[in-house]
N, C-alpha and C. Protein backbone atom coordinates (compact mmCIF):
# COMPACT_ATOMS: atom_id res chain seq x y z
N MET A 1 1.25 -1.08 0.07
CA MET A 1 0.10 -0.13 -0.09
C MET A 1 0.77 1.36 -0.29
N THR A 2 0.07 2.40 -0.51
CA THR A 2 0.87 3.73 -0.78
C THR A 2 0.74 4.29 0.38
N LEU A 3 1.76 5.53 1.01
CA LEU A 3 1.27 6.10 2.06
C LEU A 3 0.40 6.59 1.94
N GLY A 4 -0.27 7.31 0.81
CA GLY A 4 -1.51 7.96 0.07
C GLY A 4 -2.59 6.97 1.15
N VAL A 5 -2.67 5.84 0.63
CA VAL A 5 -3.98 5.16 0.87
C VAL A 5 -3.89 4.80 2.54
N VAL A 6 -2.35 4.79 2.88
CA VAL A 6 -3.24 4.13 4.58
C VAL A 6 -3.68 5.67 5.11
N VAL A 7 -2.88 7.02 4.75
CA VAL A 7 -3.44 7.95 5.54
C VAL A 7 -4.70 8.13 5.07
N ALA A 8 -5.27 7.94 3.76
CA ALA A 8 -6.88 7.62 3.64
C ALA A 8 -7.62 7.06 4.39
N LEU A 9 -7.40 5.82 4.59
CA LEU A 9 -7.83 4.94 5.68
C LEU A 9 -8.05 5.51 6.74
N ALA A 10 -6.68 5.90 7.04
CA ALA A 10 -7.08 6.53 9.08
C ALA A 10 -7.64 7.32 8.74
N ALA A 11 -8.03 8.42 8.31
CA ALA A 11 -8.65 9.56 8.44
C ALA A 11 -10.19 9.04 8.06
N GLY A 12 -9.92 7.74 7.23
CA GLY A 12 -11.50 8.01 7.40
C GLY A 12 -12.17 6.85 8.80
N THR A 13 -11.16 5.95 9.07
CA THR A 13 -11.42 5.51 10.22
C THR A 13 -11.76 6.22 11.33
N TYR A 14 -10.92 7.40 11.71
CA TYR A 14 -10.89 8.53 12.77
C TYR A 14 -12.62 9.37 12.04
N ALA A 15 -12.82 9.24 11.06
CA ALA A 15 -14.02 10.44 10.88
C ALA A 15 -15.33 9.59 11.28
N LEU A 16 -15.33 8.28 10.65
CA LEU A 16 -16.51 7.42 11.27
C LEU A 16 -16.18 7.25 13.20
N ARG A 17 -15.27 7.03 13.91
CA ARG A 17 -15.48 6.57 14.76
C ARG A 17 -15.94 7.91 15.95
N VAL A 18 -15.13 9.66 15.25
CA VAL A 18 -15.91 10.68 16.29
C VAL A 18 -17.45 11.12 15.54
N ALA A 19 -17.43 10.62 14.51
CA ALA A 19 -19.29 10.65 14.03
C ALA A 19 -20.14 10.36 14.86
N GLY A 20 -19.86 9.38 15.84
CA GLY A 20 -20.85 8.86 16.78
C GLY A 20 -20.88 9.78 17.68
N PRO A 21 -19.75 10.83 18.52
CA PRO A 21 -20.11 10.83 19.89
C PRO A 21 -20.62 12.35 18.89
N LEU A 22 -20.09 13.04 18.04
CA LEU A 22 -20.46 14.32 17.56
C LEU A 22 -22.36 14.64 16.88
N LEU A 23 -22.43 13.19 16.72
CA LEU A 23 -23.93 13.12 15.97
C LEU A 23 -24.83 12.59 17.32
N ARG A 24 -24.56 12.51 18.08
CA ARG A 24 -25.33 11.65 19.19
C ARG A 24 -26.59 12.42 19.52
N GLY A 25 -26.42 13.66 19.98
CA GLY A 25 -27.11 14.44 20.53
C GLY A 25 -28.21 14.83 19.56
N ARG A 26 -27.42 15.09 17.93
CA ARG A 26 -28.24 15.84 17.03
C ARG A 26 -29.47 14.97 16.15
N LEU A 27 -28.73 13.20 16.54
CA LEU A 27 -29.40 12.36 15.43
C LEU A 27 -30.80 11.80 15.83
N ARG A 28 -31.56 11.81 15.86
CA ARG A 28 -32.38 10.88 16.52
C ARG A 28 -33.30 9.43 15.83
N VAL A 29 -33.10 8.49 16.19
CA VAL A 29 -33.61 7.19 15.25
C VAL A 29 -34.41 6.98 16.13
N PRO A 30 -35.60 6.37 14.96
CA PRO A 30 -36.79 6.30 15.85
C PRO A 30 -36.80 4.74 16.18
N GLU A 31 -37.76 4.35 17.32
CA GLU A 31 -37.76 3.25 18.36
C GLU A 31 -37.77 2.00 17.58
N ARG A 32 -38.97 1.99 15.69
CA ARG A 32 -38.40 0.90 15.39
C ARG A 32 -37.02 0.82 14.72
N GLY A 33 -36.38 1.49 14.32
CA GLY A 33 -34.84 1.65 13.99
C GLY A 33 -33.89 0.97 14.67
N ARG A 34 -34.25 1.44 15.77
CA ARG A 34 -33.73 0.88 16.74
C ARG A 34 -33.73 -0.44 16.90
N ARG A 35 -34.69 -0.81 16.83
CA ARG A 35 -34.72 -2.41 17.03
C ARG A 35 -34.58 -3.26 15.96
N LEU A 36 -34.78 -2.57 14.71
CA LEU A 36 -33.90 -2.94 13.45
C LEU A 36 -32.72 -3.40 13.55
N LEU A 37 -31.66 -2.28 14.32
CA LEU A 37 -30.73 -2.07 14.77
C LEU A 37 -29.63 -3.41 14.96
N ALA A 38 -30.80 -3.61 16.41
CA ALA A 38 -30.40 -4.68 17.48
C ALA A 38 -30.26 -5.79 16.62
N THR A 39 -31.67 -6.03 15.78
CA THR A 39 -31.77 -7.33 15.14
C THR A 39 -30.69 -7.61 14.19
N ALA A 40 -30.08 -6.11 13.66
CA ALA A 40 -29.02 -6.79 12.49
C ALA A 40 -28.01 -6.65 12.87
N ALA A 41 -27.55 -6.67 14.17
CA ALA A 41 -26.56 -6.91 14.85
C ALA A 41 -26.49 -8.38 15.12
N LEU A 42 -27.55 -8.88 15.57
CA LEU A 42 -27.67 -10.38 16.51
C LEU A 42 -27.41 -11.21 14.93
N VAL A 43 -28.29 -10.63 13.76
CA VAL A 43 -28.07 -11.44 12.80
C VAL A 43 -26.40 -11.57 12.09
N LEU A 44 -25.94 -10.40 11.91
CA LEU A 44 -24.33 -10.19 11.97
C LEU A 44 -23.55 -10.95 12.20
N LEU A 45 -23.97 -11.52 13.73
CA LEU A 45 -23.25 -11.97 14.56
C LEU A 45 -23.45 -13.64 14.17
N GLY A 46 -24.69 -13.94 14.12
CA GLY A 46 -24.81 -15.35 14.28
C GLY A 46 -24.48 -15.75 12.74
N ALA A 47 -24.43 -15.21 11.67
CA ALA A 47 -24.04 -15.73 10.15
C ALA A 47 -22.34 -15.86 10.64
N PHE A 48 -21.90 -14.98 11.29
CA PHE A 48 -20.34 -14.96 11.63
C PHE A 48 -19.69 -16.47 12.52
N VAL A 49 -20.56 -16.34 13.14
CA VAL A 49 -20.61 -17.70 13.86
C VAL A 49 -20.93 -18.84 13.19
N THR A 50 -21.60 -18.55 12.44
CA THR A 50 -22.24 -20.13 11.56
C THR A 50 -21.17 -20.31 10.57
N THR A 51 -20.74 -19.28 9.63
CA THR A 51 -19.71 -19.28 8.65
C THR A 51 -18.41 -19.72 9.27
N SER A 52 -17.88 -19.11 10.84
CA SER A 52 -16.76 -19.74 10.95
C SER A 52 -16.78 -21.22 11.27
N ALA A 53 -17.69 -21.94 11.89
CA ALA A 53 -17.83 -22.80 12.74
C ALA A 53 -18.12 -23.93 11.08
N LEU A 54 -18.60 -23.62 10.11
CA LEU A 54 -19.02 -24.49 9.15
C LEU A 54 -18.43 -24.76 7.94
N TYR A 55 -16.92 -23.57 8.33
CA TYR A 55 -16.13 -23.23 6.77
C TYR A 55 -14.68 -23.24 7.41
N GLU A 56 -13.45 -23.78 6.55
CA GLU A 56 -12.13 -23.67 6.67
C GLU A 56 -11.72 -23.20 5.79
N SER A 57 -11.18 -22.54 4.89
CA SER A 57 -10.80 -22.28 3.29
C SER A 57 -11.09 -22.35 2.73
N GLY A 58 -12.84 -22.37 2.70
CA GLY A 58 -13.01 -22.21 1.57
C GLY A 58 -14.21 -24.19 1.69
N ALA A 59 -13.76 -24.68 2.35
CA ALA A 59 -14.24 -26.23 2.69
C ALA A 59 -15.29 -26.51 3.56
N PHE A 60 -15.54 -27.37 3.59
CA PHE A 60 -16.07 -28.06 5.04
C PHE A 60 -15.27 -28.39 6.27
N ALA A 61 -15.76 -27.79 7.44
CA ALA A 61 -14.74 -27.92 8.41
C ALA A 61 -14.90 -28.96 9.30
N GLY A 62 -15.96 -30.05 8.96
CA GLY A 62 -15.94 -31.16 9.61
C GLY A 62 -17.16 -31.17 10.70
N MET A 63 -17.20 -32.48 11.15
CA MET A 63 -18.50 -32.50 12.54
C MET A 63 -17.80 -32.09 13.82
N ALA A 64 -16.62 -32.43 13.71
CA ALA A 64 -16.13 -31.90 15.14
C ALA A 64 -16.06 -30.64 15.56
N ARG A 65 -16.18 -29.79 14.26
CA ARG A 65 -16.19 -28.31 14.79
C ARG A 65 -17.72 -27.95 15.08
N VAL A 66 -18.66 -28.22 14.27
CA VAL A 66 -20.15 -28.05 14.40
C VAL A 66 -20.21 -28.42 15.81
N GLY A 67 -20.16 -29.84 16.09
CA GLY A 67 -19.82 -30.47 17.63
C GLY A 67 -19.92 -29.44 18.58
N GLY A 68 -18.49 -29.26 18.55
CA GLY A 68 -17.91 -28.21 19.53
C GLY A 68 -18.65 -26.95 19.83
N VAL A 69 -18.89 -26.22 18.71
CA VAL A 69 -19.29 -25.20 18.60
C VAL A 69 -21.03 -24.98 18.96
N VAL A 70 -21.94 -26.34 18.82
CA VAL A 70 -23.35 -26.61 19.54
C VAL A 70 -23.06 -26.70 20.70
N VAL A 71 -22.05 -27.65 21.72
CA VAL A 71 -22.30 -27.39 22.70
C VAL A 71 -21.74 -26.43 23.58
N GLY A 72 -20.81 -25.89 23.09
CA GLY A 72 -20.43 -24.12 23.23
C GLY A 72 -21.18 -23.23 23.47
N GLY A 73 -22.27 -23.20 22.25
CA GLY A 73 -23.56 -22.69 22.40
C GLY A 73 -24.08 -22.89 23.43
N VAL A 74 -24.97 -24.14 23.37
CA VAL A 74 -25.48 -24.33 24.70
C VAL A 74 -25.35 -24.21 26.18
N LEU A 75 -23.81 -24.59 26.52
CA LEU A 75 -23.61 -24.24 27.80
C LEU A 75 -23.55 -22.60 28.28
N ALA A 76 -23.33 -21.76 26.72
CA ALA A 76 -23.48 -20.49 26.92
C ALA A 76 -24.93 -19.85 27.59
N TRP A 77 -25.82 -20.40 26.36
CA TRP A 77 -27.42 -20.13 26.81
C TRP A 77 -27.95 -20.67 28.32
N ARG A 78 -26.98 -21.41 28.65
CA ARG A 78 -27.39 -21.95 29.67
C ARG A 78 -26.48 -21.24 30.89
N ARG A 79 -25.78 -20.37 30.39
CA ARG A 79 -25.00 -19.82 31.27
C ARG A 79 -23.75 -20.10 32.39
N ALA A 80 -23.40 -21.38 31.76
CA ALA A 80 -22.05 -21.59 32.35
C ALA A 80 -20.85 -20.79 32.41
N PRO A 81 -20.20 -20.99 33.02
CA PRO A 81 -18.96 -20.12 33.14
C PRO A 81 -18.16 -20.16 31.94
N PHE A 82 -17.30 -18.90 31.29
CA PHE A 82 -17.00 -18.99 30.42
C PHE A 82 -15.73 -19.98 30.59
N VAL A 83 -15.28 -20.10 30.99
CA VAL A 83 -13.93 -21.37 31.32
C VAL A 83 -14.31 -23.01 30.53
N VAL A 84 -15.63 -23.23 30.98
CA VAL A 84 -16.78 -24.04 31.54
C VAL A 84 -16.83 -24.24 30.04
N VAL A 85 -17.54 -23.12 29.26
CA VAL A 85 -17.73 -23.35 28.39
C VAL A 85 -16.53 -23.88 26.91
N VAL A 86 -15.59 -22.97 27.21
CA VAL A 86 -14.30 -23.28 26.71
C VAL A 86 -13.68 -24.46 26.60
N LEU A 87 -13.58 -25.43 27.66
CA LEU A 87 -12.81 -26.39 28.14
C LEU A 87 -13.61 -27.23 27.47
N VAL A 88 -14.82 -27.53 27.71
CA VAL A 88 -16.05 -28.53 27.42
C VAL A 88 -15.79 -28.21 25.85
N ALA A 89 -16.18 -27.04 25.14
CA ALA A 89 -16.48 -27.37 23.24
C ALA A 89 -15.27 -27.81 22.72
N ALA A 90 -13.95 -27.24 23.56
CA ALA A 90 -12.52 -28.11 22.72
C ALA A 90 -12.94 -29.35 23.46
N GLY A 91 -13.05 -29.84 24.51
CA GLY A 91 -12.83 -31.63 24.67
C GLY A 91 -13.97 -31.82 23.81
N VAL A 92 -14.86 -31.96 23.73
CA VAL A 92 -15.98 -32.59 22.77
C VAL A 92 -15.93 -32.26 21.13
N ALA A 93 -15.06 -31.24 20.81
CA ALA A 93 -14.28 -31.27 19.32
C ALA A 93 -13.23 -32.68 19.29
N ALA A 94 -12.30 -32.41 20.42
CA ALA A 94 -11.66 -33.42 19.76
C ALA A 94 -11.81 -34.76 19.94
N GLY A 95 -12.83 -34.79 21.18
CA GLY A 95 -13.26 -36.28 21.22
C GLY A 95 -14.12 -36.48 19.44
N MET A 96 -14.58 -35.53 19.29
CA MET A 96 -15.15 -36.38 18.17
C MET A 96 -14.21 -36.56 17.31
N ARG A 97 -13.01 -35.89 16.67
CA ARG A 97 -12.00 -36.21 16.04
C ARG A 97 -11.01 -37.74 16.14
N VAL A 98 -11.45 -37.51 17.43
CA VAL A 98 -10.88 -38.83 17.34
C VAL A 98 -11.39 -40.20 17.25
N LEU A 99 -12.79 -39.93 18.08
CA LEU A 99 -13.63 -41.02 17.47
C LEU A 99 -13.69 -41.22 16.15
N PHE A 100 -14.50 -39.77 15.52
CA PHE A 100 -14.42 -40.15 13.98
C PHE A 100 -13.55 -40.22 12.75
N ASP A 101 -12.65 -40.05 13.02
CA ASP A 101 -11.64 -39.51 12.12
C ASP A 101 -10.88 -41.09 11.91
N THR A 102 -10.77 -41.58 10.84
CA THR A 102 -10.40 -42.96 10.31
C THR A 102 -9.27 -43.10 10.50
N SER A 103 -8.20 -41.79 9.99
CA SER A 103 -7.14 -41.98 9.63
C SER A 103 -6.05 -42.06 11.28
N PHE A 104 -6.90 -42.45 12.52
CA PHE A 104 -5.95 -42.81 13.23
C PHE A 104 -6.09 -44.69 13.71
N MET A 105 -7.24 -44.75 12.85
CA MET A 105 -7.18 -46.53 12.71
C MET A 105 -6.28 -47.47 11.90
């Protein structure tokens, strides 16, 4: 990248970050708009998690990863401690890889 591109990206990033606090009092978002923005954020997060759970390098990541993500999601939904969620999800994924991977046999 050239120096001009870096400076332009930096200025754009700064402008977007400053716009929030500067426009907060001047811009009124209707209640329906606020609900839609909250829903959009959840949908984008869900799409990111789904894509990350299912694909790696453009190919299916395997059922072990999907199993670990599902178990981690259920534990997080049930409000388990974060450390427990991570350890159990990793354990499930590792166990599924050992049990279902035919290259070990």
